[in-house]
Amino acid sequence: MTRTSDTEKSSVRTGGASRRLRWLLVPSLALNLLVVGAVVGHAVFDEPDRKVPRVDRIGGPLTFALSHDDRKEIGKALRQQYRQGRPTRAQIQEEYQQAITALRADPYDRAGLEAVFAAQLAGATERVAIGQRLLLERIAQMSSEERRAFADRLEEGLEHPERFGRPEKRP
């Protein structure tokens, strides 16, 4: 009769555990690859109208009429200024908690929900004002030729709105 040593018994147990672990890791890896593939596929192949617009492309025709460098600079300035005045996560959470409380109130608390909406509108209005101010400042820095080229691109974009989807890089 053969006796198995303690080291042989532990290696048998470890081998089974590692096989089970492998069976868990393989599907996990496959799922991760599927997610990465979906994200990359969305970024590369989806139509422009299905993509979330970047902050430097939200302005519509005026934004698209800017040169690539102007869009880049305004976008950079927008992100910096948005971060400075942006409410904290706790403040945003509290605002939504106020909305939830107003929605659950019996009777319905319309004034409470209107206050939340008014605060959100004020924040959005402030962000639009920042964007307009930055655009005006950038236009004021342009030479006469650059402003005329900007006006030409704006006019062209309004005549051909399908071109707004993927602006080409302009010098």
Protein backbone atom coordinates (compact mmCIF):
# COMPACT_ATOMS: atom_id res chain seq x y z
CA MET A 1 0.00 0.00 0.00
CA THR A 2 1.32 3.40 -0.96
CA ARG A 3 1.14 6.27 1.43
CA THR A 4 0.67 9.80 0.10
CA SER A 5 2.64 12.48 1.79
CA ASP A 6 1.22 15.76 3.05
CA THR A 7 2.97 17.66 0.24
CA GLU A 8 1.34 15.44 -2.39
CA LYS A 9 -2.08 16.00 -0.81
CA SER A 10 -1.62 19.78 -0.76
CA SER A 11 -0.49 19.87 -4.40
CA VAL A 12 -3.58 17.90 -5.40
CA ARG A 13 -5.78 20.40 -3.55
CA THR A 14 -3.94 23.36 -5.04
CA GLY A 15 -4.16 21.92 -8.54
CA GLY A 16 -7.94 21.66 -8.25
CA ALA A 17 -8.22 25.19 -6.92
CA SER A 18 -6.07 26.60 -9.70
CA ARG A 19 -8.19 24.78 -12.29
CA ARG A 20 -11.36 26.27 -10.81
CA LEU A 21 -9.74 29.68 -10.73
CA ARG A 22 -8.78 29.28 -14.40
CA TRP A 23 -12.40 28.44 -15.25
CA LEU A 24 -13.45 31.69 -13.58
CA LEU A 25 -10.75 33.85 -15.16
CA VAL A 26 -11.30 32.76 -18.76
CA PRO A 27 -14.95 33.96 -18.94
CA SER A 28 -13.99 37.12 -17.05
CA LEU A 29 -11.26 37.86 -19.58
CA ALA A 30 -13.65 37.18 -22.46
CA LEU A 31 -16.23 39.56 -20.96
CA ASN A 32 -13.60 42.27 -20.52
CA LEU A 33 -12.53 41.88 -24.15
CA LEU A 34 -16.14 42.18 -25.27
CA VAL A 35 -16.57 45.41 -23.31
CA VAL A 36 -13.33 46.87 -24.68
CA GLY A 37 -14.38 45.86 -28.20
CA ALA A 38 -17.77 47.52 -27.79
CA VAL A 39 -16.23 50.77 -26.53
CA VAL A 40 -13.62 50.89 -29.29
CA GLY A 41 -16.23 49.98 -31.91
CA HIS A 42 -18.52 52.76 -30.71
CA ALA A 43 -15.71 55.30 -30.77
CA VAL A 44 -14.46 54.32 -34.23
CA PHE A 45 -17.50 53.24 -36.21
CA ASP A 46 -20.62 54.97 -34.85
CA GLU A 47 -22.07 57.89 -36.73
CA PRO A 48 -21.28 61.35 -35.31
CA ASP A 49 -24.88 61.95 -34.21
CA ARG A 50 -24.66 58.93 -31.87
CA LYS A 51 -21.49 60.11 -30.15
CA VAL A 52 -21.46 62.32 -27.09
CA PRO A 53 -20.17 65.70 -28.25
CA ARG A 54 -16.92 66.96 -26.81
CA VAL A 55 -17.15 70.13 -24.79
CA ASP A 56 -15.36 72.10 -27.52
CA ARG A 57 -17.95 71.04 -30.16
CA ILE A 58 -21.21 71.77 -28.40
CA GLY A 59 -21.69 75.27 -29.85
CA GLY A 60 -23.04 74.22 -33.23
CA PRO A 61 -22.31 76.22 -36.38
CA LEU A 62 -20.21 78.86 -34.64
CA THR A 63 -18.01 76.23 -33.05
CA PHE A 64 -17.59 74.25 -36.25
CA ALA A 65 -16.64 77.40 -38.15
CA LEU A 66 -13.64 77.87 -35.86
CA SER A 67 -10.24 76.60 -36.91
CA HIS A 68 -9.02 73.39 -35.30
CA ASP A 69 -6.57 75.35 -33.11
CA ASP A 70 -9.27 77.82 -32.03
CA ARG A 71 -11.64 74.97 -31.07
CA LYS A 72 -8.84 73.30 -29.16
CA GLU A 73 -7.93 76.45 -27.21
CA ILE A 74 -11.53 77.36 -26.41
CA GLY A 75 -12.22 73.77 -25.33
CA LYS A 76 -9.20 73.84 -23.02
CA ALA A 77 -10.31 77.14 -21.47
CA LEU A 78 -13.89 75.86 -21.09
CA ARG A 79 -12.77 72.75 -19.23
CA GLN A 80 -10.60 74.82 -16.89
CA GLN A 81 -13.36 77.29 -16.10
CA TYR A 82 -16.05 74.60 -15.77
CA ARG A 83 -13.93 72.86 -13.15
CA GLN A 84 -13.51 76.07 -11.15
CA GLY A 85 -17.21 76.82 -10.79
CA ARG A 86 -18.57 73.28 -10.84
CA PRO A 87 -20.51 72.12 -7.78
CA THR A 88 -19.07 69.29 -5.73
CA ARG A 89 -20.44 65.75 -5.97
CA ALA A 90 -22.00 66.24 -2.55
CA GLN A 91 -23.79 69.39 -3.76
CA ILE A 92 -25.07 67.62 -6.88
CA GLN A 93 -26.22 64.67 -4.78
CA GLU A 94 -28.03 67.02 -2.39
CA GLU A 95 -29.74 68.76 -5.32
CA TYR A 96 -31.06 65.44 -6.65
CA GLN A 97 -32.09 64.41 -3.15
CA GLN A 98 -34.18 67.60 -3.00
CA ALA A 99 -35.80 66.59 -6.31
CA ILE A 100 -36.55 63.11 -4.97
CA THR A 101 -38.05 64.55 -1.80
CA ALA A 102 -40.24 66.93 -3.84
CA LEU A 103 -41.39 64.09 -6.10
CA ARG A 104 -42.31 61.82 -3.17
CA ALA A 105 -44.10 64.50 -1.20
CA ASP A 106 -47.84 64.08 -0.77
CA PRO A 107 -49.19 66.43 -1.89
CA TYR A 108 -46.68 66.87 -4.71
CA ASP A 109 -44.14 69.64 -3.97
CA ARG A 110 -44.06 71.46 -7.28
CA ALA A 111 -42.30 74.51 -5.82
CA GLY A 112 -39.50 72.33 -4.46
CA LEU A 113 -38.96 70.67 -7.83
CA GLU A 114 -39.10 74.05 -9.61
CA ALA A 115 -36.35 75.29 -7.26
CA VAL A 116 -34.14 72.35 -8.26
CA PHE A 117 -34.85 72.96 -11.95
CA ALA A 118 -34.12 76.68 -11.53
CA ALA A 119 -30.74 75.90 -9.94
CA GLN A 120 -29.88 73.51 -12.79
CA LEU A 121 -30.93 76.09 -15.38
CA ALA A 122 -28.81 78.75 -13.68
CA GLY A 123 -25.77 76.46 -13.84
CA ALA A 124 -26.36 75.67 -17.51
CA THR A 125 -26.90 79.37 -18.32
CA GLU A 126 -23.64 80.22 -16.57
CA ARG A 127 -21.77 77.61 -18.61
CA VAL A 128 -23.26 78.96 -21.87
CA ALA A 129 -22.23 82.48 -20.85
CA ILE A 130 -18.66 81.28 -20.23
CA GLY A 131 -18.59 79.69 -23.68
CA GLN A 132 -19.90 82.82 -25.37
CA ARG A 133 -17.42 85.02 -23.52
CA LEU A 134 -14.52 82.77 -24.54
CA LEU A 135 -15.70 82.74 -28.15
CA LEU A 136 -15.99 86.53 -28.20
CA GLU A 137 -12.50 86.85 -26.71
CA ARG A 138 -11.08 84.46 -29.30
CA ILE A 139 -12.77 86.32 -32.18
CA ALA A 140 -11.43 89.64 -30.84
CA GLN A 141 -7.90 88.18 -31.08
CA MET A 142 -8.36 87.23 -34.75
CA SER A 143 -6.94 89.30 -37.57
CA SER A 144 -9.30 90.71 -40.20
CA GLU A 145 -8.40 87.85 -42.54
CA GLU A 146 -9.03 85.24 -39.84
CA ARG A 147 -12.43 86.77 -39.01
CA ARG A 148 -13.41 86.80 -42.70
CA ALA A 149 -12.33 83.15 -43.05
CA PHE A 150 -14.35 82.35 -39.91
CA ALA A 151 -17.39 84.10 -41.43
CA ASP A 152 -16.88 82.17 -44.69
CA ARG A 153 -16.75 78.84 -42.85
CA LEU A 154 -19.83 79.78 -40.84
CA GLU A 155 -21.73 80.66 -44.01
CA GLU A 156 -20.60 77.45 -45.70
CA GLY A 157 -21.61 75.42 -42.67
CA LEU A 158 -25.07 76.96 -42.60
CA GLU A 159 -25.50 76.18 -46.30
CA HIS A 160 -24.28 72.57 -45.79
CA PRO A 161 -25.30 71.49 -42.25
CA GLU A 162 -24.41 67.84 -42.95
CA ARG A 163 -20.78 68.91 -42.65
CA PHE A 164 -21.19 69.77 -38.97
CA GLY A 165 -20.85 66.10 -37.98
CA ARG A 166 -17.13 65.72 -38.54
CA PRO A 167 -15.29 68.97 -38.89
CA GLU A 168 -12.07 68.66 -40.76
CA LYS A 169 -8.92 70.02 -39.20
CA ARG A 170 -8.32 73.51 -40.45
CA PRO A 171 -5.07 75.44 -40.10
